[in-house]
Amino acid sequence: MRRTQEFDEWCDGASEEEVEAMIAATSKKFKTFLLISLIPIVNWVTMGCAIFCYNNLSFMKTRGKSNGNGLVRLVMMLYAFFIPPILVVQLCSKIEKLGQKVLGW
């Protein structure tokens, strides 16, 4: 795959084997942070790490031609701030014991 000049500067002249190793490591970290981001409140920090990994992974896979899909990043950001509270409210309203513990009753 053809590299851009920006990518060559970014990877500091790494060989294709080294770039593939970096892609594999970044992909593993991205999946790890994405799974950890399923935990409410923790996801505020870990989702930022996952987005950072996603940006770099997209950059490496396209050899500098793209930084990734903006819609995917938007969905991850929305998940980090809006979706967990909605899920917790739904769970607390459906599970009476959980709701009572949250309210301190």
C-alpha atoms as a PDB file:
ATOM      1  CA  MET A   1       0.000   0.000   0.000  1.00  0.00           C
ATOM      2  CA  ARG A   2       1.271   3.445  -0.880  1.00  0.00           C
ATOM      3  CA  ARG A   3       2.259   5.668   2.036  1.00  0.00           C
ATOM      4  CA  THR A   4       1.753   9.389   2.364  1.00  0.00           C
ATOM      5  CA  GLN A   5       4.613  11.670   3.353  1.00  0.00           C
ATOM      6  CA  GLU A   6       2.801  12.523   6.582  1.00  0.00           C
ATOM      7  CA  PHE A   7       2.602   8.821   7.443  1.00  0.00           C
ATOM      8  CA  ASP A   8       6.313   8.323   6.752  1.00  0.00           C
ATOM      9  CA  GLU A   9       7.116  11.193   9.099  1.00  0.00           C
ATOM     10  CA  TRP A  10       4.692   9.867  11.712  1.00  0.00           C
ATOM     11  CA  CYS A  11       6.090   6.311  11.744  1.00  0.00           C
ATOM     12  CA  ASP A  12       9.678   7.574  11.400  1.00  0.00           C
ATOM     13  CA  GLY A  13      10.512   5.272   8.505  1.00  0.00           C
ATOM     14  CA  ALA A  14       9.323   2.022  10.106  1.00  0.00           C
ATOM     15  CA  SER A  15       9.308  -1.069   7.886  1.00  0.00           C
ATOM     16  CA  GLU A  16       6.070  -2.734   6.784  1.00  0.00           C
ATOM     17  CA  GLU A  17       6.594  -5.536   9.321  1.00  0.00           C
ATOM     18  CA  GLU A  18       6.944  -2.995  12.128  1.00  0.00           C
ATOM     19  CA  VAL A  19       3.842  -1.136  10.960  1.00  0.00           C
ATOM     20  CA  GLU A  20       1.870  -4.407  10.904  1.00  0.00           C
ATOM     21  CA  ALA A  21       3.073  -5.162  14.453  1.00  0.00           C
ATOM     22  CA  MET A  22       1.966  -1.673  15.544  1.00  0.00           C
ATOM     23  CA  ILE A  23      -1.442  -2.228  13.913  1.00  0.00           C
ATOM     24  CA  ALA A  24      -1.875  -5.537  15.765  1.00  0.00           C
ATOM     25  CA  ALA A  25      -0.908  -4.007  19.120  1.00  0.00           C
ATOM     26  CA  THR A  26      -3.123  -0.959  18.609  1.00  0.00           C
ATOM     27  CA  SER A  27      -6.050  -3.116  17.547  1.00  0.00           C
ATOM     28  CA  LYS A  28      -5.705  -5.202  20.718  1.00  0.00           C
ATOM     29  CA  LYS A  29      -5.577  -2.087  22.913  1.00  0.00           C
ATOM     30  CA  PHE A  30      -8.574  -0.577  21.085  1.00  0.00           C
ATOM     31  CA  LYS A  31     -10.651  -3.690  21.781  1.00  0.00           C
ATOM     32  CA  THR A  32      -9.515  -3.713  25.409  1.00  0.00           C
ATOM     33  CA  PHE A  33     -10.446  -0.087  25.994  1.00  0.00           C
ATOM     34  CA  LEU A  34     -13.742  -0.556  24.181  1.00  0.00           C
ATOM     35  CA  LEU A  35     -14.645  -3.471  26.457  1.00  0.00           C
ATOM     36  CA  ILE A  36     -13.597  -1.582  29.588  1.00  0.00           C
ATOM     37  CA  SER A  37     -15.725   1.323  28.377  1.00  0.00           C
ATOM     38  CA  LEU A  38     -18.829  -0.774  28.947  1.00  0.00           C
ATOM     39  CA  ILE A  39     -18.434   0.039  32.656  1.00  0.00           C
ATOM     40  CA  PRO A  40     -20.408   3.192  33.530  1.00  0.00           C
ATOM     41  CA  ILE A  41     -18.422   6.212  34.766  1.00  0.00           C
ATOM     42  CA  VAL A  42     -15.140   4.439  33.933  1.00  0.00           C
ATOM     43  CA  ASN A  43     -16.089   4.893  30.289  1.00  0.00           C
ATOM     44  CA  TRP A  44     -15.582   8.652  30.511  1.00  0.00           C
ATOM     45  CA  VAL A  45     -11.836   8.058  30.605  1.00  0.00           C
ATOM     46  CA  THR A  46     -11.467   4.780  28.768  1.00  0.00           C
ATOM     47  CA  MET A  47     -13.617   5.849  25.835  1.00  0.00           C
ATOM     48  CA  GLY A  48     -11.175   8.682  25.204  1.00  0.00           C
ATOM     49  CA  CYS A  49      -8.387   6.094  25.094  1.00  0.00           C
ATOM     50  CA  ALA A  50     -10.463   3.938  22.738  1.00  0.00           C
ATOM     51  CA  ILE A  51     -11.077   6.887  20.412  1.00  0.00           C
ATOM     52  CA  PHE A  52      -7.366   7.697  20.443  1.00  0.00           C
ATOM     53  CA  CYS A  53      -6.584   4.073  19.510  1.00  0.00           C
ATOM     54  CA  TYR A  54      -9.254   4.160  16.791  1.00  0.00           C
ATOM     55  CA  ASN A  55      -7.781   7.309  15.250  1.00  0.00           C
ATOM     56  CA  ASN A  56      -4.289   5.861  15.190  1.00  0.00           C
ATOM     57  CA  LEU A  57      -5.489   2.482  13.958  1.00  0.00           C
ATOM     58  CA  SER A  58      -7.356   4.087  11.059  1.00  0.00           C
ATOM     59  CA  PHE A  59      -4.344   6.240  10.238  1.00  0.00           C
ATOM     60  CA  MET A  60      -2.042   3.216  10.182  1.00  0.00           C
ATOM     61  CA  LYS A  61      -4.400   0.968   8.207  1.00  0.00           C
ATOM     62  CA  THR A  62      -4.842   3.586   5.467  1.00  0.00           C
ATOM     63  CA  ARG A  63      -1.157   4.538   5.593  1.00  0.00           C
ATOM     64  CA  GLY A  64      -1.949   8.167   6.346  1.00  0.00           C
ATOM     65  CA  LYS A  65      -4.887   8.732   4.011  1.00  0.00           C
ATOM     66  CA  SER A  66      -7.622   8.817   6.684  1.00  0.00           C
ATOM     67  CA  ASN A  67      -8.046   9.457  10.393  1.00  0.00           C
ATOM     68  CA  GLY A  68     -11.191   7.348  10.594  1.00  0.00           C
ATOM     69  CA  ASN A  69     -14.920   7.825  10.314  1.00  0.00           C
ATOM     70  CA  GLY A  70     -16.292  10.842  12.157  1.00  0.00           C
ATOM     71  CA  LEU A  71     -19.637   9.123  12.709  1.00  0.00           C
ATOM     72  CA  VAL A  72     -17.970   6.248  14.571  1.00  0.00           C
ATOM     73  CA  ARG A  73     -16.173   8.727  16.814  1.00  0.00           C
ATOM     74  CA  LEU A  74     -19.428  10.616  17.396  1.00  0.00           C
ATOM     75  CA  VAL A  75     -21.215   7.421  18.448  1.00  0.00           C
ATOM     76  CA  MET A  76     -18.404   6.562  20.849  1.00  0.00           C
ATOM     77  CA  MET A  77     -18.527  10.069  22.323  1.00  0.00           C
ATOM     78  CA  LEU A  78     -22.291   9.929  22.728  1.00  0.00           C
ATOM     79  CA  TYR A  79     -21.956   6.565  24.432  1.00  0.00           C
ATOM     80  CA  ALA A  80     -19.432   7.982  26.848  1.00  0.00           C
ATOM     81  CA  PHE A  81     -21.709  10.790  27.994  1.00  0.00           C
ATOM     82  CA  PHE A  82     -25.356  10.035  27.261  1.00  0.00           C
ATOM     83  CA  ILE A  83     -26.098   6.344  26.879  1.00  0.00           C
ATOM     84  CA  PRO A  84     -24.804   5.024  30.264  1.00  0.00           C
ATOM     85  CA  PRO A  85     -27.050   7.308  32.331  1.00  0.00           C
ATOM     86  CA  ILE A  86     -30.050   6.313  30.223  1.00  0.00           C
ATOM     87  CA  LEU A  87     -29.275   2.620  30.731  1.00  0.00           C
ATOM     88  CA  VAL A  88     -28.776   3.049  34.475  1.00  0.00           C
ATOM     89  CA  VAL A  89     -32.094   4.891  34.792  1.00  0.00           C
ATOM     90  CA  GLN A  90     -33.864   2.130  32.863  1.00  0.00           C
ATOM     91  CA  LEU A  91     -32.299  -0.574  35.025  1.00  0.00           C
ATOM     92  CA  CYS A  92     -33.083   1.273  38.241  1.00  0.00           C
ATOM     93  CA  SER A  93     -36.696   1.705  37.215  1.00  0.00           C
ATOM     94  CA  LYS A  94     -37.119  -1.959  36.252  1.00  0.00           C
ATOM     95  CA  ILE A  95     -35.173  -3.578  39.107  1.00  0.00           C
ATOM     96  CA  GLU A  96     -36.829  -2.416  42.304  1.00  0.00           C
ATOM     97  CA  LYS A  97     -34.054  -3.540  44.683  1.00  0.00           C
ATOM     98  CA  LEU A  98     -31.410  -1.775  42.628  1.00  0.00           C
ATOM     99  CA  GLY A  99     -33.504   1.375  42.504  1.00  0.00           C
ATOM    100  CA  GLN A 100     -33.923   1.316  46.251  1.00  0.00           C
ATOM    101  CA  LYS A 101     -30.194   0.882  46.824  1.00  0.00           C
ATOM    102  CA  VAL A 102     -29.435   3.795  44.520  1.00  0.00           C
ATOM    103  CA  LEU A 103     -31.929   5.965  46.364  1.00  0.00           C
ATOM    104  CA  GLY A 104     -30.511   4.856  49.705  1.00  0.00           C
ATOM    105  CA  TRP A 105     -33.744   3.338  51.015  1.00  0.00           C
END
